[in-house]
Amino acid sequence: MLVALFPLVVAVVAPPVTPPAPVGPVGIGCTTAPAGAPVPADLHRDSTSWTTISDDGCQLAVVDQAPTSTNVHLAISWDGGTTSARYDLPSVSVTLAPDRAVALASHAIGFIHVNNPTVVWSAPPQLSASQFEAIATDGATTLVQTEQWLGATNDDGATWRDVPKPPGDARVVSATKATWLEYLGDPGMGEFETRDHAYELRGAAWVEVSVAKPSTKSWRYAEEGEEFWGCGGTSGLVATKGKKRRVLRSGLNSSVDSYRFVTTPRGTYAKINGTLYGLAAGAMRVLDGSAAMEGDMPIGVDAFGAPLFELPGGIARWTKAGGYRVILSL
């Protein structure tokens, strides 16, 4: 077992921070799409907010910090936005798991459990001496990666054990996996290729494993660079299936056009100059051309296949029936 292979390092535990208790029970798992609420007309855009979405689109978090505050407001939903819990914490970033979350503050790690209003803080001494790089958790095990250290805990930071760092510039993405996108060439000149690496933690060592090849039986979508002139360039959206290749949109200039593209196994969407598009079956079609929420870009796809958008202090989803609806806010 992983637990027995590495020496234990006793962590210095910081005083716990007790946030306000959630209102009512918070749900776990995505079984029903959230109804959401209308997007308010007076969104406060003078705060600094950022969002986190789990790989399956079911766990959502938004962090909001006012310009004059060192603390942040944090809202987390573990059921796709139907219910949520709110916390007031030191400035944090958040990593999500199906029934918990891990928050990184200055030189401390906070462990949050569903329907438990208390955040358990842990301050491993190695964290303060290194630059933070990544956190990964599967619930039972949490890995914290810095430039010089990789540590693991199974008890909400009461104890930590040293784990060998993965090769190269790999970053942990789960309790047992790490990935690395290696650049071959000169990215600064726009002349380079990339190589994907994947590693698994087996015993006391990271072992490189083959990267899964994309299916040739279904359409895949990607943003590809077209022209490059040193301080800018153009790109396009491309669909491929086996040997088939279709250019769905070209000439997108980041200096002129406002756009973002997101793709997941649950759906692919793009927003270009205020118009929302859906990409499916190797084609691209307009979903919403009203220019509503023109400056708010897609950030992911939820568990039900709907695109998600980052708002100041919140997350909205779009559906044909309901339009833009807020599903998580502070």
C-alpha atoms as a PDB file:
ATOM      1  CA  MET A   1       0.000   0.000   0.000  1.00  0.00           C
ATOM      2  CA  LEU A   2       1.118   3.563  -0.648  1.00  0.00           C
ATOM      3  CA  VAL A   3       0.763   4.447   3.021  1.00  0.00           C
ATOM      4  CA  ALA A   4       3.523   2.097   4.141  1.00  0.00           C
ATOM      5  CA  LEU A   5       6.116   3.082   1.572  1.00  0.00           C
ATOM      6  CA  PHE A   6       7.039   6.598   2.610  1.00  0.00           C
ATOM      7  CA  PRO A   7       8.152   8.107   5.934  1.00  0.00           C
ATOM      8  CA  LEU A   8       5.559  10.088   7.810  1.00  0.00           C
ATOM      9  CA  VAL A   9       6.115  13.810   8.332  1.00  0.00           C
ATOM     10  CA  VAL A  10       4.127  15.349  11.164  1.00  0.00           C
ATOM     11  CA  ALA A  11       2.443  18.527   9.995  1.00  0.00           C
ATOM     12  CA  VAL A  12       2.123  21.753  11.910  1.00  0.00           C
ATOM     13  CA  VAL A  13      -1.620  22.329  12.115  1.00  0.00           C
ATOM     14  CA  ALA A  14      -2.870  25.904  11.848  1.00  0.00           C
ATOM     15  CA  PRO A  15      -5.820  27.112  13.919  1.00  0.00           C
ATOM     16  CA  PRO A  16      -9.064  26.079  12.243  1.00  0.00           C
ATOM     17  CA  VAL A  17     -11.249  28.655  10.561  1.00  0.00           C
ATOM     18  CA  THR A  18     -14.963  28.144  11.141  1.00  0.00           C
ATOM     19  CA  PRO A  19     -17.084  29.459   8.260  1.00  0.00           C
ATOM     20  CA  PRO A  20     -20.830  29.990   8.455  1.00  0.00           C
ATOM     21  CA  ALA A  21     -22.751  26.733   8.343  1.00  0.00           C
ATOM     22  CA  PRO A  22     -24.411  25.865   5.029  1.00  0.00           C
ATOM     23  CA  VAL A  23     -28.109  26.641   4.783  1.00  0.00           C
ATOM     24  CA  GLY A  24     -29.836  23.261   4.727  1.00  0.00           C
ATOM     25  CA  PRO A  25     -28.242  19.991   3.616  1.00  0.00           C
ATOM     26  CA  VAL A  26     -25.909  20.109   0.632  1.00  0.00           C
ATOM     27  CA  GLY A  27     -26.454  17.439  -1.997  1.00  0.00           C
ATOM     28  CA  ILE A  28     -23.863  15.095  -3.499  1.00  0.00           C
ATOM     29  CA  GLY A  29     -23.920  13.829  -7.079  1.00  0.00           C
ATOM     30  CA  CYS A  30     -25.626  15.118 -10.214  1.00  0.00           C
ATOM     31  CA  THR A  31     -29.048  13.555 -10.687  1.00  0.00           C
ATOM     32  CA  THR A  32     -31.187  16.577 -11.611  1.00  0.00           C
ATOM     33  CA  ALA A  33     -30.195  19.592 -13.680  1.00  0.00           C
ATOM     34  CA  PRO A  34     -30.314  22.809 -11.628  1.00  0.00           C
ATOM     35  CA  ALA A  35     -33.081  25.310 -12.355  1.00  0.00           C
ATOM     36  CA  GLY A  36     -30.898  28.308 -11.626  1.00  0.00           C
ATOM     37  CA  ALA A  37     -31.989  31.933 -11.327  1.00  0.00           C
ATOM     38  CA  PRO A  38     -32.097  34.860 -13.760  1.00  0.00           C
ATOM     39  CA  VAL A  39     -28.799  36.653 -14.292  1.00  0.00           C
ATOM     40  CA  PRO A  40     -28.994  39.938 -12.337  1.00  0.00           C
ATOM     41  CA  ALA A  41     -28.747  43.092 -14.389  1.00  0.00           C
ATOM     42  CA  ASP A  42     -26.434  44.817 -11.864  1.00  0.00           C
ATOM     43  CA  LEU A  43     -23.495  42.411 -11.727  1.00  0.00           C
ATOM     44  CA  HIS A  44     -20.685  43.846  -9.600  1.00  0.00           C
ATOM     45  CA  ARG A  45     -17.613  43.710 -11.828  1.00  0.00           C
ATOM     46  CA  ASP A  46     -15.208  45.450  -9.444  1.00  0.00           C
ATOM     47  CA  SER A  47     -14.295  42.258  -7.579  1.00  0.00           C
ATOM     48  CA  THR A  48     -11.795  39.567  -8.466  1.00  0.00           C
ATOM     49  CA  SER A  49     -13.375  36.143  -8.876  1.00  0.00           C
ATOM     50  CA  TRP A  50     -12.293  32.819 -10.293  1.00  0.00           C
ATOM     51  CA  THR A  51     -13.935  29.453 -10.744  1.00  0.00           C
ATOM     52  CA  THR A  52     -13.133  25.746 -10.570  1.00  0.00           C
ATOM     53  CA  ILE A  53     -15.027  22.917 -12.288  1.00  0.00           C
ATOM     54  CA  SER A  54     -14.370  19.205 -11.784  1.00  0.00           C
ATOM     55  CA  ASP A  55     -13.549  17.010 -14.772  1.00  0.00           C
ATOM     56  CA  ASP A  56     -17.054  15.508 -14.757  1.00  0.00           C
ATOM     57  CA  GLY A  57     -18.744  18.903 -14.495  1.00  0.00           C
ATOM     58  CA  CYS A  58     -20.573  17.982 -11.293  1.00  0.00           C
ATOM     59  CA  GLN A  59     -18.541  19.835  -8.649  1.00  0.00           C
ATOM     60  CA  LEU A  60     -18.359  23.609  -8.996  1.00  0.00           C
ATOM     61  CA  ALA A  61     -16.670  26.341  -6.979  1.00  0.00           C
ATOM     62  CA  VAL A  62     -16.416  30.110  -7.193  1.00  0.00           C
ATOM     63  CA  VAL A  63     -14.054  32.318  -5.208  1.00  0.00           C
ATOM     64  CA  ASP A  64     -14.608  36.065  -4.963  1.00  0.00           C
ATOM     65  CA  GLN A  65     -12.311  38.662  -3.442  1.00  0.00           C
ATOM     66  CA  ALA A  66     -13.175  42.328  -3.039  1.00  0.00           C
ATOM     67  CA  PRO A  67     -10.373  44.763  -3.959  1.00  0.00           C
ATOM     68  CA  THR A  68      -9.893  45.934  -0.357  1.00  0.00           C
ATOM     69  CA  SER A  69     -10.070  42.505   1.343  1.00  0.00           C
ATOM     70  CA  THR A  70      -7.445  39.824   1.995  1.00  0.00           C
ATOM     71  CA  ASN A  71     -10.104  37.203   2.702  1.00  0.00           C
ATOM     72  CA  VAL A  72     -12.314  35.587   0.080  1.00  0.00           C
ATOM     73  CA  HIS A  73     -15.854  34.285  -0.159  1.00  0.00           C
ATOM     74  CA  LEU A  74     -16.032  30.696  -1.394  1.00  0.00           C
ATOM     75  CA  ALA A  75     -19.116  28.850  -2.664  1.00  0.00           C
ATOM     76  CA  ILE A  76     -19.009  25.129  -3.511  1.00  0.00           C
ATOM     77  CA  SER A  77     -21.635  22.880  -5.066  1.00  0.00           C
ATOM     78  CA  TRP A  78     -21.213  19.118  -5.121  1.00  0.00           C
ATOM     79  CA  ASP A  79     -24.424  18.477  -7.095  1.00  0.00           C
ATOM     80  CA  GLY A  80     -24.030  20.598 -10.201  1.00  0.00           C
ATOM     81  CA  GLY A  81     -25.410  23.832  -8.770  1.00  0.00           C
ATOM     82  CA  THR A  82     -28.677  22.716  -7.148  1.00  0.00           C
ATOM     83  CA  THR A  83     -27.377  23.270  -3.596  1.00  0.00           C
ATOM     84  CA  SER A  84     -24.213  24.877  -2.274  1.00  0.00           C
ATOM     85  CA  ALA A  85     -22.229  25.782   0.834  1.00  0.00           C
ATOM     86  CA  ARG A  86     -20.460  29.066   1.504  1.00  0.00           C
ATOM     87  CA  TYR A  87     -17.268  29.830   3.408  1.00  0.00           C
ATOM     88  CA  ASP A  88     -15.172  32.873   4.356  1.00  0.00           C
ATOM     89  CA  LEU A  89     -11.492  32.005   4.181  1.00  0.00           C
ATOM     90  CA  PRO A  90      -8.039  33.453   3.627  1.00  0.00           C
ATOM     91  CA  SER A  91      -7.203  33.866  -0.063  1.00  0.00           C
ATOM     92  CA  VAL A  92      -7.428  30.391  -1.603  1.00  0.00           C
ATOM     93  CA  SER A  93      -7.522  28.258  -4.705  1.00  0.00           C
ATOM     94  CA  VAL A  94      -9.687  25.133  -4.610  1.00  0.00           C
ATOM     95  CA  THR A  95      -9.428  21.534  -5.805  1.00  0.00           C
ATOM     96  CA  LEU A  96     -12.676  19.543  -5.871  1.00  0.00           C
ATOM     97  CA  ALA A  97     -13.589  15.915  -5.162  1.00  0.00           C
ATOM     98  CA  PRO A  98     -17.044  14.240  -5.139  1.00  0.00           C
ATOM     99  CA  ASP A  99     -17.647  14.758  -1.408  1.00  0.00           C
ATOM    100  CA  ARG A 100     -14.989  17.231  -0.303  1.00  0.00           C
ATOM    101  CA  ALA A 101     -12.646  20.016  -1.392  1.00  0.00           C
ATOM    102  CA  VAL A 102      -9.066  21.025  -0.694  1.00  0.00           C
ATOM    103  CA  ALA A 103      -8.213  24.733  -0.391  1.00  0.00           C
ATOM    104  CA  LEU A 104      -4.745  26.245  -0.675  1.00  0.00           C
ATOM    105  CA  ALA A 105      -4.106  29.377   1.374  1.00  0.00           C
ATOM    106  CA  SER A 106      -0.795  31.064   2.161  1.00  0.00           C
ATOM    107  CA  HIS A 107       1.456  28.248   3.452  1.00  0.00           C
ATOM    108  CA  ALA A 108      -1.527  26.147   4.576  1.00  0.00           C
ATOM    109  CA  ILE A 109      -3.922  23.534   3.200  1.00  0.00           C
ATOM    110  CA  GLY A 110      -7.594  23.481   4.200  1.00  0.00           C
ATOM    111  CA  PHE A 111      -9.760  20.350   4.057  1.00  0.00           C
ATOM    112  CA  ILE A 112     -13.501  20.875   3.502  1.00  0.00           C
ATOM    113  CA  HIS A 113     -16.113  18.104   3.804  1.00  0.00           C
ATOM    114  CA  VAL A 114     -19.704  18.185   2.589  1.00  0.00           C
ATOM    115  CA  ASN A 115     -22.137  19.344   5.307  1.00  0.00           C
ATOM    116  CA  ASN A 116     -19.315  20.023   7.767  1.00  0.00           C
ATOM    117  CA  PRO A 117     -18.955  23.770   8.440  1.00  0.00           C
ATOM    118  CA  THR A 118     -15.436  23.452   9.880  1.00  0.00           C
ATOM    119  CA  VAL A 119     -12.375  23.713   7.655  1.00  0.00           C
ATOM    120  CA  VAL A 120      -9.452  21.657   8.974  1.00  0.00           C
ATOM    121  CA  TRP A 121      -6.145  23.436   8.304  1.00  0.00           C
ATOM    122  CA  SER A 122      -2.732  21.862   7.994  1.00  0.00           C
ATOM    123  CA  ALA A 123       0.613  23.610   7.452  1.00  0.00           C
ATOM    124  CA  PRO A 124       3.331  21.176   6.370  1.00  0.00           C
ATOM    125  CA  PRO A 125       6.677  22.994   6.813  1.00  0.00           C
ATOM    126  CA  GLN A 126       7.797  22.033   3.299  1.00  0.00           C
ATOM    127  CA  LEU A 127       5.010  24.133   1.797  1.00  0.00           C
ATOM    128  CA  SER A 128       6.359  27.450   3.070  1.00  0.00           C
ATOM    129  CA  ALA A 129       9.833  26.812   1.648  1.00  0.00           C
ATOM    130  CA  SER A 130       8.767  25.955  -1.901  1.00  0.00           C
ATOM    131  CA  GLN A 131       6.752  27.433  -4.724  1.00  0.00           C
ATOM    132  CA  PHE A 132       3.381  25.726  -5.031  1.00  0.00           C
ATOM    133  CA  GLU A 133       2.660  23.856  -8.273  1.00  0.00           C
ATOM    134  CA  ALA A 134      -0.360  21.546  -7.942  1.00  0.00           C
ATOM    135  CA  ILE A 135      -2.894  19.858  -5.666  1.00  0.00           C
ATOM    136  CA  ALA A 136      -4.699  16.638  -6.552  1.00  0.00           C
ATOM    137  CA  THR A 137      -7.170  14.648  -4.510  1.00  0.00           C
ATOM    138  CA  ASP A 138      -9.390  11.630  -4.979  1.00  0.00           C
ATOM    139  CA  GLY A 139     -10.975  12.115  -1.572  1.00  0.00           C
ATOM    140  CA  ALA A 140      -9.066   9.466   0.356  1.00  0.00           C
ATOM    141  CA  THR A 141      -5.604  10.758  -0.624  1.00  0.00           C
ATOM    142  CA  THR A 142      -4.441  14.299  -1.287  1.00  0.00           C
ATOM    143  CA  LEU A 143      -1.152  15.165  -2.992  1.00  0.00           C
ATOM    144  CA  VAL A 144       0.459  18.606  -2.725  1.00  0.00           C
ATOM    145  CA  GLN A 145       3.250  19.425  -5.190  1.00  0.00           C
ATOM    146  CA  THR A 146       5.785  22.240  -4.927  1.00  0.00           C
ATOM    147  CA  GLU A 147       9.029  22.902  -6.795  1.00  0.00           C
ATOM    148  CA  GLN A 148      11.055  20.872  -4.288  1.00  0.00           C
ATOM    149  CA  TRP A 149       8.514  18.606  -2.606  1.00  0.00           C
ATOM    150  CA  LEU A 150       5.612  16.234  -3.204  1.00  0.00           C
ATOM    151  CA  GLY A 151       3.665  15.254  -0.116  1.00  0.00           C
ATOM    152  CA  ALA A 152       0.665  13.017   0.505  1.00  0.00           C
ATOM    153  CA  THR A 153      -1.886  12.790   3.307  1.00  0.00           C
ATOM    154  CA  ASN A 154      -4.749  10.409   4.067  1.00  0.00           C
ATOM    155  CA  ASP A 155      -5.949  12.112   7.233  1.00  0.00           C
ATOM    156  CA  ASP A 156      -6.751  15.717   6.302  1.00  0.00           C
ATOM    157  CA  GLY A 157      -3.189  16.850   6.887  1.00  0.00           C
ATOM    158  CA  ALA A 158      -2.694  15.480  10.402  1.00  0.00           C
ATOM    159  CA  THR A 159       0.331  13.647   8.963  1.00  0.00           C
ATOM    160  CA  TRP A 160       2.184  13.923   5.656  1.00  0.00           C
ATOM    161  CA  ARG A 161       4.545  11.564   3.890  1.00  0.00           C
ATOM    162  CA  ASP A 162       7.157  12.347   1.263  1.00  0.00           C
ATOM    163  CA  VAL A 163       6.452  11.007  -2.230  1.00  0.00           C
ATOM    164  CA  PRO A 164       8.991  10.973  -5.108  1.00  0.00           C
ATOM    165  CA  LYS A 165       8.362  13.760  -7.606  1.00  0.00           C
ATOM    166  CA  PRO A 166       7.274  12.722 -11.114  1.00  0.00           C
ATOM    167  CA  PRO A 167       9.750  13.119 -14.004  1.00  0.00           C
ATOM    168  CA  GLY A 168      10.384  16.312 -15.935  1.00  0.00           C
ATOM    169  CA  ASP A 169       7.821  19.059 -15.520  1.00  0.00           C
ATOM    170  CA  ALA A 170       4.972  16.636 -14.837  1.00  0.00           C
ATOM    171  CA  ARG A 171       2.182  17.792 -12.527  1.00  0.00           C
ATOM    172  CA  VAL A 172       0.010  15.530 -10.423  1.00  0.00           C
ATOM    173  CA  VAL A 173      -3.583  15.312 -11.649  1.00  0.00           C
ATOM    174  CA  SER A 174      -4.834  12.652  -9.230  1.00  0.00           C
ATOM    175  CA  ALA A 175      -3.578  10.734  -6.223  1.00  0.00           C
ATOM    176  CA  THR A 176      -1.731   8.288  -8.499  1.00  0.00           C
ATOM    177  CA  LYS A 177      -1.357  10.045 -11.877  1.00  0.00           C
ATOM    178  CA  ALA A 178       0.714  12.866 -13.367  1.00  0.00           C
ATOM    179  CA  THR A 179       0.887  14.397 -16.830  1.00  0.00           C
ATOM    180  CA  TRP A 180       3.365  16.533 -18.761  1.00  0.00           C
ATOM    181  CA  LEU A 181       2.931  18.361 -22.044  1.00  0.00           C
ATOM    182  CA  GLU A 182       6.476  18.653 -23.353  1.00  0.00           C
ATOM    183  CA  TYR A 183       7.292  21.386 -25.863  1.00  0.00           C
ATOM    184  CA  LEU A 184       9.805  20.436 -28.560  1.00  0.00           C
ATOM    185  CA  GLY A 185      11.200  23.463 -30.367  1.00  0.00           C
ATOM    186  CA  ASP A 186      10.801  27.174 -29.647  1.00  0.00           C
ATOM    187  CA  PRO A 187       7.317  28.114 -28.407  1.00  0.00           C
ATOM    188  CA  GLY A 188       8.371  31.773 -28.357  1.00  0.00           C
ATOM    189  CA  MET A 189       8.806  31.748 -32.118  1.00  0.00           C
ATOM    190  CA  GLY A 190       5.671  29.729 -32.774  1.00  0.00           C
ATOM    191  CA  GLU A 191       7.743  26.844 -34.156  1.00  0.00           C
ATOM    192  CA  PHE A 192       7.312  23.816 -31.949  1.00  0.00           C
ATOM    193  CA  GLU A 193       5.696  20.438 -31.509  1.00  0.00           C
ATOM    194  CA  THR A 194       4.285  18.914 -28.354  1.00  0.00           C
ATOM    195  CA  ARG A 195       4.517  15.474 -26.817  1.00  0.00           C
ATOM    196  CA  ASP A 196       2.143  14.153 -24.167  1.00  0.00           C
ATOM    197  CA  HIS A 197       3.525  12.165 -21.230  1.00  0.00           C
ATOM    198  CA  ALA A 198       1.514  10.259 -18.632  1.00  0.00           C
ATOM    199  CA  TYR A 199       2.795   8.656 -15.447  1.00  0.00           C
ATOM    200  CA  GLU A 200       1.352   6.399 -12.760  1.00  0.00           C
ATOM    201  CA  LEU A 201       2.620   6.065  -9.204  1.00  0.00           C
ATOM    202  CA  ARG A 202       3.360   2.388  -8.692  1.00  0.00           C
ATOM    203  CA  GLY A 203       4.849   1.563  -5.344  1.00  0.00           C
ATOM    204  CA  ALA A 204       7.654   4.049  -4.706  1.00  0.00           C
ATOM    205  CA  ALA A 205       8.235   5.085  -8.324  1.00  0.00           C
ATOM    206  CA  TRP A 206       6.533   6.925 -11.173  1.00  0.00           C
ATOM    207  CA  VAL A 207       6.201   4.772 -14.277  1.00  0.00           C
ATOM    208  CA  GLU A 208       5.549   6.284 -17.702  1.00  0.00           C
ATOM    209  CA  VAL A 209       2.478   4.782 -19.349  1.00  0.00           C
ATOM    210  CA  SER A 210       1.091   5.099 -22.842  1.00  0.00           C
ATOM    211  CA  VAL A 211      -1.159   8.070 -23.551  1.00  0.00           C
ATOM    212  CA  ALA A 212      -4.590   7.002 -24.698  1.00  0.00           C
ATOM    213  CA  LYS A 213      -5.064   7.681 -28.402  1.00  0.00           C
ATOM    214  CA  PRO A 214      -8.202   9.590 -29.387  1.00  0.00           C
ATOM    215  CA  SER A 215     -10.973   7.659 -31.026  1.00  0.00           C
ATOM    216  CA  THR A 216     -11.134   7.838 -34.818  1.00  0.00           C
ATOM    217  CA  LYS A 217     -14.840   6.937 -34.799  1.00  0.00           C
ATOM    218  CA  SER A 218     -16.170  10.194 -33.359  1.00  0.00           C
ATOM    219  CA  TRP A 219     -15.653  13.853 -34.138  1.00  0.00           C
ATOM    220  CA  ARG A 220     -12.998  15.732 -32.201  1.00  0.00           C
ATOM    221  CA  TYR A 221     -12.607  19.497 -32.019  1.00  0.00           C
ATOM    222  CA  ALA A 222      -9.558  21.648 -31.479  1.00  0.00           C
ATOM    223  CA  GLU A 223      -8.265  25.185 -31.802  1.00  0.00           C
ATOM    224  CA  GLU A 224      -5.293  25.317 -34.175  1.00  0.00           C
ATOM    225  CA  GLY A 225      -2.856  28.117 -34.877  1.00  0.00           C
ATOM    226  CA  GLU A 226      -2.864  29.481 -38.433  1.00  0.00           C
ATOM    227  CA  GLU A 227      -0.610  32.513 -38.828  1.00  0.00           C
ATOM    228  CA  PHE A 228       1.972  33.863 -36.403  1.00  0.00           C
ATOM    229  CA  TRP A 229       3.775  37.223 -36.566  1.00  0.00           C
ATOM    230  CA  GLY A 230       5.717  37.521 -33.330  1.00  0.00           C
ATOM    231  CA  CYS A 231       3.323  39.592 -31.231  1.00  0.00           C
ATOM    232  CA  GLY A 232       0.093  37.972 -32.354  1.00  0.00           C
ATOM    233  CA  GLY A 233      -1.532  35.635 -34.815  1.00  0.00           C
ATOM    234  CA  THR A 234      -4.698  33.926 -35.931  1.00  0.00           C
ATOM    235  CA  SER A 235      -6.247  30.579 -35.123  1.00  0.00           C
ATOM    236  CA  GLY A 236      -9.167  28.466 -36.242  1.00  0.00           C
ATOM    237  CA  LEU A 237     -11.573  25.827 -34.971  1.00  0.00           C
ATOM    238  CA  VAL A 238     -11.110  22.440 -36.614  1.00  0.00           C
ATOM    239  CA  ALA A 239     -13.121  19.204 -36.542  1.00  0.00           C
ATOM    240  CA  THR A 240     -11.469  15.849 -37.273  1.00  0.00           C
ATOM    241  CA  LYS A 241     -12.728  12.284 -37.530  1.00  0.00           C
ATOM    242  CA  GLY A 242     -10.288   9.684 -38.729  1.00  0.00           C
ATOM    243  CA  LYS A 243      -8.900  11.107 -41.992  1.00  0.00           C
ATOM    244  CA  LYS A 244     -11.671  13.695 -42.278  1.00  0.00           C
ATOM    245  CA  ARG A 245     -10.796  17.274 -41.434  1.00  0.00           C
ATOM    246  CA  ARG A 246     -13.071  20.321 -41.514  1.00  0.00           C
ATOM    247  CA  VAL A 247     -12.181  23.932 -40.763  1.00  0.00           C
ATOM    248  CA  LEU A 248     -15.237  25.295 -38.971  1.00  0.00           C
ATOM    249  CA  ARG A 249     -13.935  28.812 -38.352  1.00  0.00           C
ATOM    250  CA  SER A 250     -10.700  30.526 -39.378  1.00  0.00           C
ATOM    251  CA  GLY A 251      -8.989  33.877 -38.986  1.00  0.00           C
ATOM    252  CA  LEU A 252      -9.734  34.362 -35.286  1.00  0.00           C
ATOM    253  CA  ASN A 253      -7.441  37.123 -34.054  1.00  0.00           C
ATOM    254  CA  SER A 254      -7.041  37.440 -30.298  1.00  0.00           C
ATOM    255  CA  SER A 255      -6.207  41.142 -30.707  1.00  0.00           C
ATOM    256  CA  VAL A 256      -9.486  41.822 -32.487  1.00  0.00           C
ATOM    257  CA  ASP A 257     -11.916  39.004 -31.724  1.00  0.00           C
ATOM    258  CA  SER A 258     -13.364  38.030 -28.356  1.00  0.00           C
ATOM    259  CA  TYR A 259     -13.640  34.250 -28.242  1.00  0.00           C
ATOM    260  CA  ARG A 260     -13.177  31.101 -26.200  1.00  0.00           C
ATOM    261  CA  PHE A 261     -13.575  27.411 -27.007  1.00  0.00           C
ATOM    262  CA  VAL A 262     -14.266  24.532 -24.592  1.00  0.00           C
ATOM    263  CA  THR A 263     -14.531  20.833 -25.371  1.00  0.00           C
ATOM    264  CA  THR A 264     -15.324  17.851 -23.142  1.00  0.00           C
ATOM    265  CA  PRO A 265     -16.790  14.387 -23.737  1.00  0.00           C
ATOM    266  CA  ARG A 266     -20.170  15.899 -22.758  1.00  0.00           C
ATOM    267  CA  GLY A 267     -20.200  18.707 -25.301  1.00  0.00           C
ATOM    268  CA  THR A 268     -18.221  21.306 -27.244  1.00  0.00           C
ATOM    269  CA  TYR A 269     -18.990  25.013 -27.371  1.00  0.00           C
ATOM    270  CA  ALA A 270     -17.471  28.261 -28.601  1.00  0.00           C
ATOM    271  CA  LYS A 271     -18.361  31.875 -27.980  1.00  0.00           C
ATOM    272  CA  ILE A 272     -17.146  34.300 -30.627  1.00  0.00           C
ATOM    273  CA  ASN A 273     -17.816  38.039 -30.436  1.00  0.00           C
ATOM    274  CA  GLY A 274     -20.876  37.492 -28.259  1.00  0.00           C
ATOM    275  CA  THR A 275     -22.441  34.630 -30.252  1.00  0.00           C
ATOM    276  CA  LEU A 276     -22.650  31.177 -28.672  1.00  0.00           C
ATOM    277  CA  TYR A 277     -22.041  28.175 -30.949  1.00  0.00           C
ATOM    278  CA  GLY A 278     -22.453  24.450 -30.447  1.00  0.00           C
ATOM    279  CA  LEU A 279     -20.078  22.067 -32.190  1.00  0.00           C
ATOM    280  CA  ALA A 280     -21.454  18.602 -32.972  1.00  0.00           C
ATOM    281  CA  ALA A 281     -21.429  16.040 -35.790  1.00  0.00           C
ATOM    282  CA  GLY A 282     -18.485  17.802 -37.400  1.00  0.00           C
ATOM    283  CA  ALA A 283     -20.404  21.071 -37.779  1.00  0.00           C
ATOM    284  CA  MET A 284     -20.822  24.376 -35.982  1.00  0.00           C
ATOM    285  CA  ARG A 285     -24.199  26.045 -35.453  1.00  0.00           C
ATOM    286  CA  VAL A 286     -25.474  29.145 -33.682  1.00  0.00           C
ATOM    287  CA  LEU A 287     -27.157  28.461 -30.339  1.00  0.00           C
ATOM    288  CA  ASP A 288     -27.602  32.012 -29.107  1.00  0.00           C
ATOM    289  CA  GLY A 289     -26.960  35.075 -31.221  1.00  0.00           C
ATOM    290  CA  SER A 290     -28.521  37.609 -28.886  1.00  0.00           C
ATOM    291  CA  ALA A 291     -25.158  38.844 -27.574  1.00  0.00           C
ATOM    292  CA  ALA A 292     -26.527  38.376 -24.040  1.00  0.00           C
ATOM    293  CA  MET A 293     -23.669  38.246 -21.542  1.00  0.00           C
ATOM    294  CA  GLU A 294     -21.351  39.170 -24.408  1.00  0.00           C
ATOM    295  CA  GLY A 295     -18.222  39.443 -22.281  1.00  0.00           C
ATOM    296  CA  ASP A 296     -18.765  36.266 -20.239  1.00  0.00           C
ATOM    297  CA  MET A 297     -16.979  33.334 -21.804  1.00  0.00           C
ATOM    298  CA  PRO A 298     -17.560  29.568 -21.517  1.00  0.00           C
ATOM    299  CA  ILE A 299     -15.369  27.876 -18.930  1.00  0.00           C
ATOM    300  CA  GLY A 300     -16.606  24.294 -19.095  1.00  0.00           C
ATOM    301  CA  VAL A 301     -19.480  21.894 -19.610  1.00  0.00           C
ATOM    302  CA  ASP A 302     -21.609  20.620 -16.754  1.00  0.00           C
ATOM    303  CA  ALA A 303     -22.595  17.042 -15.997  1.00  0.00           C
ATOM    304  CA  PHE A 304     -25.747  17.427 -18.104  1.00  0.00           C
ATOM    305  CA  GLY A 305     -23.975  18.706 -21.220  1.00  0.00           C
ATOM    306  CA  ALA A 306     -24.799  22.413 -20.848  1.00  0.00           C
ATOM    307  CA  PRO A 307     -22.092  25.080 -21.267  1.00  0.00           C
ATOM    308  CA  LEU A 308     -20.993  26.944 -18.145  1.00  0.00           C
ATOM    309  CA  PHE A 309     -19.972  30.603 -17.974  1.00  0.00           C
ATOM    310  CA  GLU A 310     -17.955  32.553 -15.446  1.00  0.00           C
ATOM    311  CA  LEU A 311     -19.690  35.571 -13.926  1.00  0.00           C
ATOM    312  CA  PRO A 312     -18.373  38.058 -11.400  1.00  0.00           C
ATOM    313  CA  GLY A 313     -18.775  35.985  -8.245  1.00  0.00           C
ATOM    314  CA  GLY A 314     -20.736  33.201  -9.875  1.00  0.00           C
ATOM    315  CA  ILE A 315     -21.315  30.556 -12.539  1.00  0.00           C
ATOM    316  CA  ALA A 316     -24.139  30.463 -15.080  1.00  0.00           C
ATOM    317  CA  ARG A 317     -25.309  27.730 -17.450  1.00  0.00           C
ATOM    318  CA  TRP A 318     -27.068  28.073 -20.787  1.00  0.00           C
ATOM    319  CA  THR A 319     -29.881  25.950 -22.206  1.00  0.00           C
ATOM    320  CA  LYS A 320     -32.132  26.504 -25.177  1.00  0.00           C
ATOM    321  CA  ALA A 321     -35.214  26.464 -22.970  1.00  0.00           C
ATOM    322  CA  GLY A 322     -33.965  28.720 -20.197  1.00  0.00           C
ATOM    323  CA  GLY A 323     -31.191  30.807 -21.709  1.00  0.00           C
ATOM    324  CA  TYR A 324     -28.535  31.981 -19.242  1.00  0.00           C
ATOM    325  CA  ARG A 325     -29.283  31.080 -15.614  1.00  0.00           C
ATOM    326  CA  VAL A 326     -27.113  31.531 -12.505  1.00  0.00           C
ATOM    327  CA  ILE A 327     -26.510  28.215 -10.732  1.00  0.00           C
ATOM    328  CA  LEU A 328     -23.800  29.218  -8.224  1.00  0.00           C
ATOM    329  CA  SER A 329     -23.171  32.650  -6.727  1.00  0.00           C
ATOM    330  CA  LEU A 330     -21.902  34.488  -3.697  1.00  0.00           C
END
